[in-house]
Amino acid sequence: MGQHFVESNVLILLGFILVFIGFALIMVGVLMPALSAAREERSVEGGAVIIIGPFPIVVASSAKAAKTLVILAIILTLFAVVLFLLLPVISKRLLAP
């Protein structure tokens, strides 16, 4: 029982680290445009990916941003499917006596 407690603490720590890395990446993404050198001509493109189940929905302000977000959505969806399929195997290995 003690070994499972240690493994669960490692998973909890890993979760906190991933959340922290996510917040750090968001902060870098917000601050980089503000700290970059001023250019004469600026254009802002944006978009969003909403994933409902296995289906990504892409909304973007330009074709370039949409193409980038579609690629990102495909990668994230494939990652989620692989993780979903591997989760039982990983959990059996972690919880095996």
Protein backbone atom coordinates (compact mmCIF):
# COMPACT_ATOMS: atom_id res chain seq x y z
CA MET A 1 0.00 0.00 0.00
CA GLY A 2 2.86 2.38 0.69
CA GLN A 3 4.19 2.04 -2.85
CA HIS A 4 0.83 3.10 -4.34
CA PHE A 5 0.83 6.16 -2.10
CA VAL A 6 4.24 7.21 -3.43
CA GLU A 7 3.15 6.65 -7.05
CA SER A 8 0.00 8.69 -6.56
CA ASN A 9 2.04 11.52 -5.04
CA VAL A 10 4.31 11.44 -8.10
CA LEU A 11 1.27 11.71 -10.38
CA ILE A 12 -0.12 14.60 -8.35
CA LEU A 13 3.24 16.37 -8.49
CA LEU A 14 3.40 15.77 -12.25
CA GLY A 15 -0.07 17.31 -12.61
CA PHE A 16 0.96 20.43 -10.69
CA ILE A 17 4.13 20.75 -12.77
CA LEU A 18 2.15 20.49 -16.02
CA VAL A 19 -0.32 23.14 -14.84
CA PHE A 20 2.56 25.43 -13.86
CA ILE A 21 4.22 24.92 -17.27
CA GLY A 22 0.89 25.73 -18.93
CA PHE A 23 0.53 28.99 -17.00
CA ALA A 24 4.13 29.91 -17.77
CA LEU A 25 3.58 29.33 -21.50
CA ILE A 26 0.45 31.47 -21.41
CA MET A 27 2.34 34.27 -19.68
CA VAL A 28 5.17 34.07 -22.22
CA GLY A 29 2.62 34.16 -25.04
CA VAL A 30 0.95 37.23 -23.57
CA LEU A 31 4.16 39.10 -22.76
CA MET A 32 6.18 38.40 -25.92
CA PRO A 33 4.16 40.68 -28.22
CA ALA A 34 4.19 43.41 -25.59
CA LEU A 35 7.96 43.20 -25.16
CA SER A 36 8.89 42.77 -28.81
CA ALA A 37 10.36 45.61 -30.81
CA ALA A 38 7.83 47.92 -32.41
CA ARG A 39 7.31 47.40 -36.11
CA GLU A 40 5.85 49.89 -38.52
CA GLU A 41 3.20 47.57 -39.84
CA ARG A 42 1.40 45.24 -37.48
CA SER A 43 -1.25 42.71 -38.19
CA VAL A 44 -3.04 40.69 -35.60
CA GLU A 45 -4.43 37.27 -36.35
CA GLY A 46 -6.27 35.14 -33.89
CA GLY A 47 -8.37 32.09 -33.50
CA ALA A 48 -9.61 29.41 -31.21
CA VAL A 49 -9.91 25.65 -31.15
CA ILE A 50 -12.84 24.15 -29.29
CA ILE A 51 -12.64 20.40 -28.85
CA ILE A 52 -15.95 18.69 -28.11
CA GLY A 53 -15.32 15.01 -27.68
CA PRO A 54 -13.03 13.94 -30.53
CA PHE A 55 -14.26 16.73 -32.84
CA PRO A 56 -12.24 19.96 -33.08
CA ILE A 57 -14.02 23.18 -34.08
CA VAL A 58 -11.72 25.89 -35.45
CA VAL A 59 -12.58 29.59 -35.54
CA ALA A 60 -9.99 31.99 -36.97
CA SER A 61 -9.64 35.51 -38.33
CA SER A 62 -7.56 34.55 -41.39
CA ALA A 63 -6.78 31.57 -43.57
CA LYS A 64 -3.20 31.38 -42.25
CA ALA A 65 -4.36 31.29 -38.64
CA ALA A 66 -7.03 28.72 -39.51
CA LYS A 67 -4.48 26.46 -41.21
CA THR A 68 -2.18 26.63 -38.18
CA LEU A 69 -5.05 25.92 -35.79
CA VAL A 70 -6.30 22.98 -37.86
CA ILE A 71 -2.84 21.41 -37.69
CA LEU A 72 -2.72 22.06 -33.94
CA ALA A 73 -6.22 20.62 -33.49
CA ILE A 74 -5.28 17.45 -35.38
CA ILE A 75 -2.16 17.00 -33.27
CA LEU A 76 -4.06 17.58 -30.02
CA THR A 77 -6.86 15.23 -31.04
CA LEU A 78 -4.41 12.47 -31.98
CA PHE A 79 -2.56 13.01 -28.69
CA ALA A 80 -5.84 12.73 -26.76
CA VAL A 81 -6.85 9.54 -28.58
CA VAL A 82 -3.44 7.93 -28.00
CA LEU A 83 -3.52 8.93 -24.35
CA PHE A 84 -7.05 7.57 -24.00
CA LEU A 85 -6.00 4.24 -25.51
CA LEU A 86 -2.79 3.98 -23.46
CA LEU A 87 -4.29 5.03 -20.13
CA PRO A 88 -5.49 1.51 -19.15
CA VAL A 89 -2.05 0.06 -19.94
CA ILE A 90 -0.26 2.77 -17.95
CA SER A 91 -2.60 2.47 -14.98
CA LYS A 92 -2.22 -1.34 -14.88
CA ARG A 93 1.56 -0.99 -14.80
CA LEU A 94 1.48 1.65 -12.07
CA LEU A 95 -1.00 -0.24 -9.90
CA ALA A 96 0.43 -3.73 -10.43
CA PRO A 97 1.74 -5.32 -7.22
